[in-house]
Amino acid sequence: MTRALMIQGTGSNVGKSLLVAGLCRAARRRGIDVASFKPQNMSNNAAVTADGGEIGRAQALQALACGLEPVSDMNPVLLKPETDTGAQVVVQGRRRTTTRARDYWDLKPQLMGAVLESFGRLRAAHELVIVEGAGSPAEVNLRRGDIANMGFARAADVPVVLAGDIDRGGVIAQIIGTQAVLDPADAAMVSGFLINKFRGDPSLFDEGYALIADRTGWRGFGVLPYFPEAAKLPAEDALDLPRHARGTGLRVVCLALSRIANFDDLDPLAQEPGVDLTLLAPGEPIPGDTDLVIVPGTKSTRGDLAFLRAQGWDIDLAAHLRRGGHVLGICGGYQMLGTVIRDPEGLEGAPGAEPGLGLLAIETEMVADKRLTRVSATDAVTGAALSGYEIHIGRSDGPDRARPFARIAGTPEGARSADGRVVGSYLHGMFAEDGFRRAWLAGFGQAPGALSYGAEVEAVLDRLADHLEAHLDVTGLLALAR
């Protein structure tokens, strides 16, 4: 009979996603047919699934840890923020609506059926399902209609282990305080706790660890030291992105847009020793010695175009090109490079149109039909093969499309300026393809590196599982599942 276990956290960013990925890889190496699951996620970093839907990037990484292709059931509810108070709601891989935060409160109870349906399919197909919560169950003001934490755990009868983040400090209060505010029936779902991100001598926390166990009556499953190699795995939150990946050679700057999306596009470049990559914070000017500026994907193209201009980056881009620099726009960044962005139906805000940056001779119109697809392509300049995925609602066309970025089954994709220094593409994930990345870097005069990005991610997942096995009671954790 299929068993399940849920990892919840005392707050956001305590390491739940990484813990689930590590446990999934550890279970798989023990010969268990394991799948990952997250009922509800909020992230603009999404992955296209094998069944043509979209889920959070962290859930795609967890699927990789399980040795599985990601499917929509692994993250049945995905919220993609478009403004400070509104988000696109994706259900079982497909966009259902856009709603304000307050209105989502009323929508949540309607989504439990989809959550349990997806969970049921995973349980039917695998021996073990490891579930990740969202945020914290201590947010009891959000408990009514909850589908992400205790609401799900009780509906599906899944035991919970609570993870606390000692790196932030106050972990004793995090865990004991969570128990104190939980409804007794919710607290009864918790079978134990663990401590994450410890730095230094763990014996110094022995007394605190014992205190938590004594006060809560919960079983402790160990203290996990900080895992620095987590930086080599795709990040879910833009706040986790390193501001500077120091290398020698090509100077690359990526603009940190306010609704930056699918930013793991940068990960392979950040690990190349021949690339010096900077994620440029708002208000910072584009440095004069930059070779390439990347305008990344965004969940709100017109909104982030206004944000880009507010930072003065439009002026900096013009100066950068006058100096002979290069610009690459990906997805929403590609749309911004054109002459105009039209949104007649108001899919990303108020209906209307906005002048683009005018760096590519293309025009974009937002359409309700969202394109979600994995693709194999050929770089139009080097002939190198690449793979990636598209996840966007806009359609772009214009004279510069006659000089495409790539070709997909012979069909032009993306656009290139007449001088070749401004390029745009809808393809995410292009730099994960080692052959293309090396050919692309060679075009900037960089010697081919030895990085095998996919193999490195797999190796880090194995080392993460080793890390958990060395410091946590993994056998005890997996035995909890029911």
Protein backbone atom coordinates (compact mmCIF):
# COMPACT_ATOMS: atom_id res chain seq x y z
CA MET A 1 0.00 0.00 0.00
CA THR A 2 1.33 3.42 -0.93
CA ARG A 3 2.67 5.45 1.98
CA ALA A 4 3.12 9.21 2.33
CA LEU A 5 5.04 11.66 4.50
CA MET A 6 4.83 15.46 4.61
CA ILE A 7 7.57 17.97 5.40
CA GLN A 8 6.19 21.26 6.68
CA GLY A 9 8.22 24.24 7.86
CA THR A 10 8.15 26.84 10.57
CA GLY A 11 8.25 29.49 7.84
CA SER A 12 9.02 30.18 4.20
CA ASN A 13 12.51 29.45 2.91
CA VAL A 14 13.46 27.12 5.78
CA GLY A 15 14.65 24.53 3.25
CA LYS A 16 11.56 22.37 2.72
CA SER A 17 12.11 22.00 -1.02
CA LEU A 18 15.70 20.87 -0.59
CA LEU A 19 14.78 18.47 2.23
CA VAL A 20 12.12 16.84 0.08
CA ALA A 21 14.50 16.57 -2.88
CA GLY A 22 17.15 14.97 -0.66
CA LEU A 23 14.69 12.53 0.91
CA CYS A 24 13.36 11.60 -2.53
CA ARG A 25 16.86 10.84 -3.81
CA ALA A 26 17.68 8.89 -0.61
CA ALA A 27 14.48 6.83 -0.97
CA ARG A 28 15.16 6.16 -4.64
CA ARG A 29 18.67 4.93 -3.84
CA ARG A 30 17.10 2.52 -1.35
CA GLY A 31 15.10 1.01 -4.19
CA ILE A 32 11.81 2.72 -3.33
CA ASP A 33 9.53 3.93 -6.13
CA VAL A 34 9.07 7.46 -4.78
CA ALA A 35 7.29 10.56 -6.10
CA SER A 36 7.21 14.15 -4.84
CA PHE A 37 4.13 16.30 -4.32
CA LYS A 38 3.34 19.88 -3.31
CA PRO A 39 -0.37 20.73 -3.04
CA GLN A 40 0.05 24.48 -3.51
CA ASN A 41 3.04 26.56 -4.48
CA MET A 42 3.63 30.25 -5.15
CA SER A 43 6.44 30.88 -7.60
CA ASN A 44 7.17 32.55 -10.91
CA ASN A 45 9.87 29.97 -11.60
CA ALA A 46 7.98 27.23 -13.40
CA ALA A 47 8.78 24.13 -15.45
CA VAL A 48 6.89 22.62 -18.36
CA THR A 49 5.80 19.06 -17.60
CA ALA A 50 5.76 15.91 -19.70
CA ASP A 51 1.96 16.18 -19.95
CA GLY A 52 2.07 19.75 -21.28
CA GLY A 53 1.31 21.62 -18.07
CA GLU A 54 3.39 23.70 -15.67
CA ILE A 55 4.54 23.22 -12.09
CA GLY A 56 6.95 24.97 -9.74
CA ARG A 57 10.63 24.61 -10.64
CA ALA A 58 11.38 23.08 -7.22
CA GLN A 59 8.89 20.30 -7.94
CA ALA A 60 10.61 19.60 -11.26
CA LEU A 61 13.90 19.28 -9.37
CA GLN A 62 12.24 16.92 -6.87
CA ALA A 63 10.94 14.83 -9.78
CA LEU A 64 14.51 14.59 -11.06
CA ALA A 65 15.58 13.44 -7.59
CA CYS A 66 12.94 10.70 -7.87
CA GLY A 67 14.15 9.70 -11.33
CA LEU A 68 10.79 10.72 -12.81
CA GLU A 69 9.56 13.01 -15.56
CA PRO A 70 7.71 15.95 -13.94
CA VAL A 71 3.92 15.82 -14.35
CA SER A 72 1.22 18.34 -13.47
CA ASP A 73 -0.09 16.21 -10.58
CA MET A 74 3.12 16.88 -8.64
CA ASN A 75 2.00 20.50 -8.04
CA PRO A 76 -1.74 20.78 -8.71
CA VAL A 77 -2.09 24.42 -7.61
CA LEU A 78 0.53 26.96 -8.69
CA LEU A 79 0.15 30.67 -7.95
CA LYS A 80 2.20 32.99 -10.16
CA PRO A 81 2.26 36.55 -8.74
CA GLU A 82 1.63 39.28 -11.30
CA THR A 83 1.25 42.20 -8.86
CA ASP A 84 1.66 42.69 -5.12
CA THR A 85 -1.98 41.72 -4.60
CA GLY A 86 -2.85 39.44 -7.53
CA ALA A 87 -1.70 36.19 -9.10
CA GLN A 88 -2.39 33.83 -11.95
CA VAL A 89 -3.92 30.57 -10.68
CA VAL A 90 -2.71 27.41 -12.43
CA VAL A 91 -4.68 24.24 -11.61
CA GLN A 92 -3.35 20.82 -12.61
CA GLY A 93 -0.96 22.48 -15.02
CA ARG A 94 -3.39 24.85 -16.75
CA ARG A 95 -4.18 28.50 -16.16
CA ARG A 96 -7.63 28.79 -14.60
CA THR A 97 -7.91 32.46 -13.70
CA THR A 98 -6.18 35.55 -12.36
CA THR A 99 -7.34 36.62 -8.94
CA ARG A 100 -6.61 39.05 -6.15
CA ALA A 101 -5.20 37.68 -2.89
CA ARG A 102 -8.41 38.44 -1.03
CA ASP A 103 -10.54 36.68 -3.64
CA TYR A 104 -8.28 33.62 -3.59
CA TRP A 105 -9.44 33.11 0.00
CA ASP A 106 -12.87 32.19 -1.37
CA LEU A 107 -11.42 30.13 -4.24
CA LYS A 108 -9.19 27.90 -2.11
CA PRO A 109 -11.87 25.49 -0.83
CA GLN A 110 -12.90 24.77 -4.42
CA LEU A 111 -9.38 23.58 -5.18
CA MET A 112 -9.10 20.85 -2.55
CA GLY A 113 -10.82 18.39 -4.87
CA ALA A 114 -8.17 18.90 -7.55
CA VAL A 115 -5.40 18.61 -4.95
CA LEU A 116 -6.69 15.32 -3.57
CA GLU A 117 -7.37 13.98 -7.07
CA SER A 118 -3.75 14.64 -8.12
CA PHE A 119 -2.42 13.20 -4.87
CA GLY A 120 -4.56 10.11 -5.34
CA ARG A 121 -3.14 9.49 -8.80
CA LEU A 122 0.43 9.74 -7.49
CA ARG A 123 -0.34 7.38 -4.62
CA ALA A 124 -1.83 4.88 -7.04
CA ALA A 125 1.28 4.96 -9.23
CA HIS A 126 4.09 4.91 -6.64
CA GLU A 127 5.15 3.19 -3.41
CA LEU A 128 5.92 6.39 -1.51
CA VAL A 129 4.92 10.04 -1.90
CA ILE A 130 6.90 12.73 -0.07
CA VAL A 131 4.88 15.92 0.29
CA GLU A 132 6.13 19.48 0.75
CA GLY A 133 4.08 22.06 2.61
CA ALA A 134 3.99 25.76 1.76
CA GLY A 135 4.88 28.63 4.05
CA SER A 136 4.03 27.58 7.60
CA PRO A 137 1.13 25.92 9.43
CA ALA A 138 1.69 28.54 12.14
CA GLU A 139 -0.11 31.04 9.89
CA VAL A 140 -3.33 29.99 11.56
CA ASN A 141 -5.12 33.07 10.22
CA LEU A 142 -5.01 31.26 6.86
CA ARG A 143 -6.15 27.91 8.23
CA ARG A 144 -9.76 28.09 6.98
CA GLY A 145 -9.89 26.43 3.58
CA ASP A 146 -6.20 25.53 3.77
CA ILE A 147 -4.98 23.17 1.04
CA ALA A 148 -1.23 23.63 1.52
CA ASN A 149 -0.41 22.46 5.04
CA MET A 150 -2.58 21.03 7.82
CA GLY A 151 -5.76 21.23 5.75
CA PHE A 152 -4.20 18.87 3.25
CA ALA A 153 -2.45 16.69 5.86
CA ARG A 154 -5.72 16.01 7.66
CA ALA A 155 -7.77 15.53 4.49
CA ALA A 156 -5.26 13.02 3.13
CA ASP A 157 -4.21 11.60 6.55
CA VAL A 158 -0.50 12.22 5.98
CA PRO A 159 1.90 12.43 8.97
CA VAL A 160 3.95 15.61 9.26
CA VAL A 161 7.53 16.39 10.21
CA LEU A 162 8.20 20.04 11.05
CA ALA A 163 11.47 21.62 9.86
CA GLY A 164 12.97 24.67 11.56
CA ASP A 165 15.71 26.95 10.21
CA ILE A 166 18.42 27.59 12.80
CA ASP A 167 20.37 29.80 10.38
CA ARG A 168 17.75 32.51 10.91
CA GLY A 169 17.94 32.19 14.69
CA GLY A 170 15.12 31.56 17.15
CA VAL A 171 14.55 27.97 16.06
CA ILE A 172 13.46 26.88 19.55
CA ALA A 173 10.67 29.45 19.50
CA GLN A 174 9.88 28.58 15.87
CA ILE A 175 9.05 24.97 16.70
CA ILE A 176 7.58 25.31 20.18
CA GLY A 177 5.63 28.38 19.08
CA THR A 178 4.20 26.53 16.09
CA GLN A 179 2.88 23.81 18.35
CA ALA A 180 1.42 26.43 20.70
CA VAL A 181 -0.70 28.11 18.02
CA LEU A 182 -1.86 24.98 16.21
CA ASP A 183 -5.31 23.55 16.74
CA PRO A 184 -4.87 20.36 18.84
CA ALA A 185 -6.16 18.18 16.00
CA ASP A 186 -3.61 19.77 13.65
CA ALA A 187 -0.80 19.41 16.18
CA ALA A 188 -1.66 15.72 16.48
CA MET A 189 -0.66 15.27 12.82
CA VAL A 190 2.96 16.21 13.67
CA SER A 191 5.14 13.18 14.32
CA GLY A 192 8.44 14.95 14.83
CA PHE A 193 10.82 17.78 14.00
CA LEU A 194 14.24 18.41 12.52
CA ILE A 195 16.66 21.33 12.52
CA ASN A 196 18.01 22.62 9.21
CA LYS A 197 20.93 24.83 8.10
CA PHE A 198 23.14 24.49 11.19
CA ARG A 199 26.60 26.09 11.00
CA GLY A 200 29.41 25.20 13.38
CA ASP A 201 29.62 22.54 16.11
CA PRO A 202 26.21 20.82 16.35
CA SER A 203 26.92 19.64 19.88
CA LEU A 204 26.47 23.26 20.98
CA PHE A 205 22.78 22.82 20.22
CA ASP A 206 22.31 19.59 22.20
CA GLU A 207 20.58 21.38 25.07
CA GLY A 208 18.27 23.31 22.77
CA TYR A 209 17.41 20.18 20.81
CA ALA A 210 16.51 18.34 24.02
CA LEU A 211 14.43 21.32 25.17
CA ILE A 212 12.34 21.26 21.97
CA ALA A 213 11.73 17.51 22.32
CA ASP A 214 10.79 17.90 25.99
CA ARG A 215 8.43 20.87 25.50
CA THR A 216 6.67 19.50 22.42
CA GLY A 217 6.75 15.79 23.06
CA TRP A 218 7.75 15.39 19.41
CA ARG A 219 10.51 13.08 18.24
CA GLY A 220 13.65 14.72 16.91
CA PHE A 221 15.08 13.42 13.64
CA GLY A 222 18.37 15.26 13.74
CA VAL A 223 20.29 18.48 13.10
CA LEU A 224 21.25 19.02 9.47
CA PRO A 225 24.33 21.15 8.79
CA TYR A 226 24.17 23.85 6.14
CA PHE A 227 24.57 22.44 2.62
CA PRO A 228 26.50 25.03 0.57
CA GLU A 229 26.13 23.10 -2.69
CA ALA A 230 22.44 23.98 -2.69
CA ALA A 231 23.54 27.04 -4.70
CA LYS A 232 24.27 24.69 -7.62
CA LEU A 233 20.66 23.53 -7.78
CA PRO A 234 17.84 25.50 -9.46
CA ALA A 235 16.47 28.07 -7.01
CA GLU A 236 12.75 28.63 -6.60
CA ASP A 237 12.86 32.09 -5.05
CA ALA A 238 14.64 35.01 -6.73
CA LEU A 239 15.77 36.08 -3.25
CA ASP A 240 17.98 32.96 -3.21
CA LEU A 241 19.88 33.95 -6.32
CA PRO A 242 23.52 34.91 -5.81
CA ARG A 243 24.12 38.53 -6.74
CA HIS A 244 27.52 37.77 -8.19
CA ALA A 245 29.01 34.55 -9.57
CA ARG A 246 32.65 35.45 -9.96
CA GLY A 247 34.48 34.14 -13.00
CA THR A 248 37.10 35.43 -15.37
CA GLY A 249 36.28 36.39 -18.92
CA LEU A 250 32.86 37.29 -20.25
CA ARG A 251 31.12 39.97 -18.18
CA VAL A 252 27.38 39.22 -18.08
CA VAL A 253 24.77 41.32 -16.30
CA CYS A 254 21.18 40.14 -15.78
CA LEU A 255 18.57 42.73 -14.80
CA ALA A 256 16.72 41.76 -11.60
CA LEU A 257 13.19 42.64 -12.70
CA SER A 258 10.50 42.97 -10.05
CA ARG A 259 8.56 39.95 -11.41
CA ILE A 260 11.56 38.00 -12.71
CA ALA A 261 10.52 34.52 -13.84
CA ASN A 262 12.29 31.30 -14.78
CA PHE A 263 15.54 32.76 -13.52
CA ASP A 264 17.17 29.33 -13.36
CA ASP A 265 18.02 30.11 -17.01
CA LEU A 266 21.10 31.74 -15.43
CA ASP A 267 22.29 28.73 -13.38
CA PRO A 268 24.53 27.10 -16.02
CA LEU A 269 26.18 30.44 -16.80
CA ALA A 270 26.77 31.10 -13.10
CA GLN A 271 28.76 27.85 -12.87
CA GLU A 272 30.95 28.55 -15.91
CA PRO A 273 34.45 29.64 -14.77
CA GLY A 274 34.75 31.75 -17.93
CA VAL A 275 31.70 33.86 -17.06
CA ASP A 276 31.47 36.67 -14.52
CA LEU A 277 27.72 36.93 -13.87
CA THR A 278 26.04 39.73 -11.93
CA LEU A 279 22.36 39.92 -11.03
CA LEU A 280 21.93 43.69 -11.12
CA ALA A 281 19.83 45.02 -8.26
CA PRO A 282 17.25 47.78 -8.79
CA GLY A 283 18.81 51.21 -8.86
CA GLU A 284 22.26 49.95 -9.88
CA PRO A 285 23.57 51.16 -13.25
CA ILE A 286 24.75 48.72 -15.91
CA PRO A 287 28.58 48.71 -15.60
CA GLY A 288 30.45 50.16 -18.54
CA ASP A 289 32.66 47.08 -18.99
CA THR A 290 29.69 44.70 -19.43
CA ASP A 291 29.88 42.46 -22.51
CA LEU A 292 26.32 41.09 -22.43
CA VAL A 293 23.10 42.24 -20.76
CA ILE A 294 20.36 39.65 -20.27
CA VAL A 295 16.79 40.91 -19.96
CA PRO A 296 15.17 37.85 -18.36
CA GLY A 297 11.69 36.39 -18.27
CA THR A 298 8.98 38.09 -16.26
CA LYS A 299 5.43 37.36 -15.13
CA SER A 300 4.34 40.91 -16.01
CA THR A 301 5.95 42.16 -19.20
CA ARG A 302 4.40 45.64 -19.36
CA GLY A 303 4.72 46.09 -15.60
CA ASP A 304 8.37 45.14 -15.61
CA LEU A 305 9.04 47.26 -18.68
CA ALA A 306 7.88 50.25 -16.62
CA PHE A 307 10.05 48.98 -13.74
CA LEU A 308 13.06 48.70 -16.08
CA ARG A 309 12.59 52.29 -17.23
CA ALA A 310 12.18 53.49 -13.64
CA GLN A 311 15.69 52.17 -12.88
CA GLY A 312 17.11 54.04 -15.87
CA TRP A 313 18.13 50.74 -17.45
CA ASP A 314 16.63 51.72 -20.82
CA ILE A 315 19.16 54.58 -21.00
CA ASP A 316 21.95 52.26 -19.83
CA LEU A 317 21.05 49.69 -22.51
CA ALA A 318 21.30 52.30 -25.24
CA ALA A 319 24.73 53.36 -23.94
CA HIS A 320 25.78 49.72 -23.64
CA LEU A 321 24.96 49.13 -27.32
CA ARG A 322 26.77 52.29 -28.38
CA ARG A 323 29.86 50.86 -26.69
CA GLY A 324 29.55 47.71 -28.80
CA GLY A 325 27.85 45.53 -26.19
CA HIS A 326 25.34 42.74 -26.71
CA VAL A 327 21.80 42.19 -25.39
CA LEU A 328 19.85 38.94 -24.99
CA GLY A 329 16.14 39.02 -24.17
CA ILE A 330 14.46 35.81 -22.98
CA CYS A 331 10.66 35.41 -23.12
CA GLY A 332 9.24 38.56 -21.49
CA GLY A 333 12.64 40.19 -21.93
CA TYR A 334 12.42 39.38 -25.64
CA GLN A 335 9.00 41.04 -25.80
CA MET A 336 10.39 44.18 -24.14
CA LEU A 337 13.10 44.52 -26.81
CA GLY A 338 10.49 45.09 -29.54
CA THR A 339 8.72 48.25 -30.65
CA VAL A 340 5.35 47.70 -28.95
CA ILE A 341 3.54 45.35 -26.55
CA ARG A 342 -0.22 45.16 -26.95
CA ASP A 343 -2.55 43.62 -24.37
CA PRO A 344 -6.07 44.27 -25.74
CA GLU A 345 -7.77 41.83 -23.33
CA GLY A 346 -5.92 43.02 -20.22
CA LEU A 347 -4.35 39.61 -19.57
CA GLU A 348 -1.49 41.13 -17.55
CA GLY A 349 -3.21 44.22 -16.20
CA ALA A 350 -5.27 47.03 -17.66
CA PRO A 351 -5.98 46.67 -21.41
CA GLY A 352 -3.73 48.81 -23.55
CA ALA A 353 -0.39 49.04 -25.32
CA GLU A 354 3.09 50.10 -24.30
CA PRO A 355 6.03 51.19 -26.47
CA GLY A 356 8.88 48.70 -26.21
CA LEU A 357 12.58 49.45 -26.02
CA GLY A 358 12.81 49.53 -29.82
CA LEU A 359 15.95 47.40 -29.98
CA LEU A 360 14.35 44.72 -32.19
CA ALA A 361 11.97 45.24 -35.10
CA ILE A 362 9.19 43.04 -33.69
CA GLU A 363 5.74 43.67 -32.21
CA THR A 364 4.09 41.56 -29.50
CA GLU A 365 0.44 40.95 -28.74
CA MET A 366 -0.75 39.16 -25.63
CA VAL A 367 -3.21 36.35 -26.37
CA ALA A 368 -5.20 34.15 -23.98
CA ASP A 369 -3.85 30.92 -25.46
CA LYS A 370 -0.83 30.15 -23.29
CA ARG A 371 1.99 28.32 -25.00
CA LEU A 372 3.41 25.50 -22.86
CA THR A 373 5.76 23.19 -24.70
CA ARG A 374 9.15 21.54 -24.61
CA VAL A 375 11.21 22.04 -27.73
CA SER A 376 14.32 20.84 -29.51
CA ALA A 377 15.94 23.46 -31.72
CA THR A 378 19.05 24.36 -33.70
CA ASP A 379 20.97 27.58 -33.11
CA ALA A 380 20.67 29.63 -36.30
CA VAL A 381 24.27 30.93 -36.05
CA THR A 382 26.40 28.00 -34.85
CA GLY A 383 24.17 25.09 -35.86
CA ALA A 384 24.44 23.70 -32.32
CA ALA A 385 21.52 21.64 -31.06
CA LEU A 386 19.68 22.90 -28.01
CA SER A 387 16.61 22.03 -26.02
CA GLY A 388 14.39 24.16 -23.84
CA TYR A 389 10.80 25.06 -23.20
CA GLU A 390 8.32 27.82 -23.93
CA ILE A 391 5.92 29.19 -21.31
CA HIS A 392 4.28 32.45 -22.39
CA ILE A 393 1.07 34.10 -23.58
CA GLY A 394 2.51 36.56 -26.13
CA ARG A 395 3.00 36.19 -29.87
CA SER A 396 5.77 38.22 -31.54
CA ASP A 397 6.44 39.00 -35.19
CA GLY A 398 8.23 41.56 -37.34
CA PRO A 399 11.10 42.10 -39.80
CA ASP A 400 13.86 40.96 -37.42
CA ARG A 401 12.22 37.54 -37.27
CA ALA A 402 13.81 37.00 -40.69
CA ARG A 403 17.05 36.61 -38.73
CA PRO A 404 15.96 34.05 -36.10
CA PHE A 405 17.72 33.03 -32.92
CA ALA A 406 17.03 29.36 -33.64
CA ARG A 407 15.01 27.00 -35.79
CA ILE A 408 12.48 24.50 -34.47
CA ALA A 409 11.79 21.79 -37.04
CA GLY A 410 12.80 24.33 -39.69
CA THR A 411 10.52 27.07 -38.33
CA PRO A 412 12.21 30.36 -37.28
CA GLU A 413 12.21 31.11 -33.53
CA GLY A 414 13.14 34.43 -31.97
CA ALA A 415 14.77 37.40 -33.67
CA ARG A 416 18.12 39.03 -34.22
CA SER A 417 19.04 42.63 -35.08
CA ALA A 418 20.80 43.42 -38.36
CA ASP A 419 24.18 43.80 -36.62
CA GLY A 420 23.59 40.63 -34.57
CA ARG A 421 24.18 42.34 -31.22
CA VAL A 422 20.55 42.24 -30.02
CA VAL A 423 18.92 38.82 -29.82
CA GLY A 424 15.57 37.67 -28.47
CA SER A 425 14.08 34.22 -27.89
CA TYR A 426 11.12 32.58 -26.16
CA LEU A 427 13.25 29.55 -25.24
CA HIS A 428 13.93 29.01 -21.56
CA GLY A 429 16.59 26.56 -20.41
CA MET A 430 18.82 26.98 -23.45
CA PHE A 431 22.06 27.26 -21.48
CA ALA A 432 21.54 23.89 -19.78
CA GLU A 433 22.50 22.28 -23.10
CA ASP A 434 26.27 21.88 -22.82
CA GLY A 435 27.05 21.86 -26.55
CA PHE A 436 25.03 24.98 -27.28
CA ARG A 437 26.38 26.85 -24.25
CA ARG A 438 29.95 26.13 -25.28
CA ALA A 439 29.33 27.18 -28.89
CA TRP A 440 27.54 30.33 -27.71
CA LEU A 441 30.40 31.26 -25.35
CA ALA A 442 32.92 30.58 -28.13
CA GLY A 443 31.15 33.27 -30.13
CA PHE A 444 32.29 35.70 -27.43
CA GLY A 445 35.85 34.40 -27.59
CA GLN A 446 35.55 32.11 -24.56
CA ALA A 447 37.41 28.80 -24.61
CA PRO A 448 35.11 25.78 -24.16
CA GLY A 449 34.66 24.81 -20.52
CA ALA A 450 34.38 21.32 -19.07
CA LEU A 451 31.12 21.89 -17.17
CA SER A 452 28.47 19.21 -17.76
CA TYR A 453 25.52 20.97 -16.19
CA GLY A 454 22.99 18.14 -16.08
CA ALA A 455 25.54 15.69 -14.70
CA GLU A 456 26.54 18.22 -12.05
CA VAL A 457 22.93 18.66 -10.89
CA GLU A 458 22.57 14.87 -10.61
CA ALA A 459 25.83 14.65 -8.66
CA VAL A 460 24.74 17.40 -6.26
CA LEU A 461 21.45 15.59 -5.63
CA ASP A 462 23.43 12.47 -4.74
CA ARG A 463 25.66 14.46 -2.40
CA LEU A 464 22.54 16.03 -0.85
CA ALA A 465 21.16 12.55 -0.15
CA ASP A 466 24.53 11.57 1.36
CA HIS A 467 24.34 14.69 3.54
CA LEU A 468 20.89 13.76 4.84
CA GLU A 469 21.89 10.15 5.46
CA ALA A 470 24.92 11.29 7.47
CA HIS A 471 23.11 13.72 9.77
CA LEU A 472 19.40 12.80 9.93
CA ASP A 473 17.57 9.64 10.89
CA VAL A 474 16.46 8.98 7.31
CA THR A 475 15.40 5.43 8.13
CA GLY A 476 13.17 6.74 10.91
CA LEU A 477 11.73 9.48 8.68
CA LEU A 478 10.79 7.06 5.90
CA ALA A 479 9.33 4.63 8.47
CA LEU A 480 6.91 7.37 9.58
CA ALA A 481 5.13 7.35 6.23
CA ARG A 482 1.71 5.78 6.20
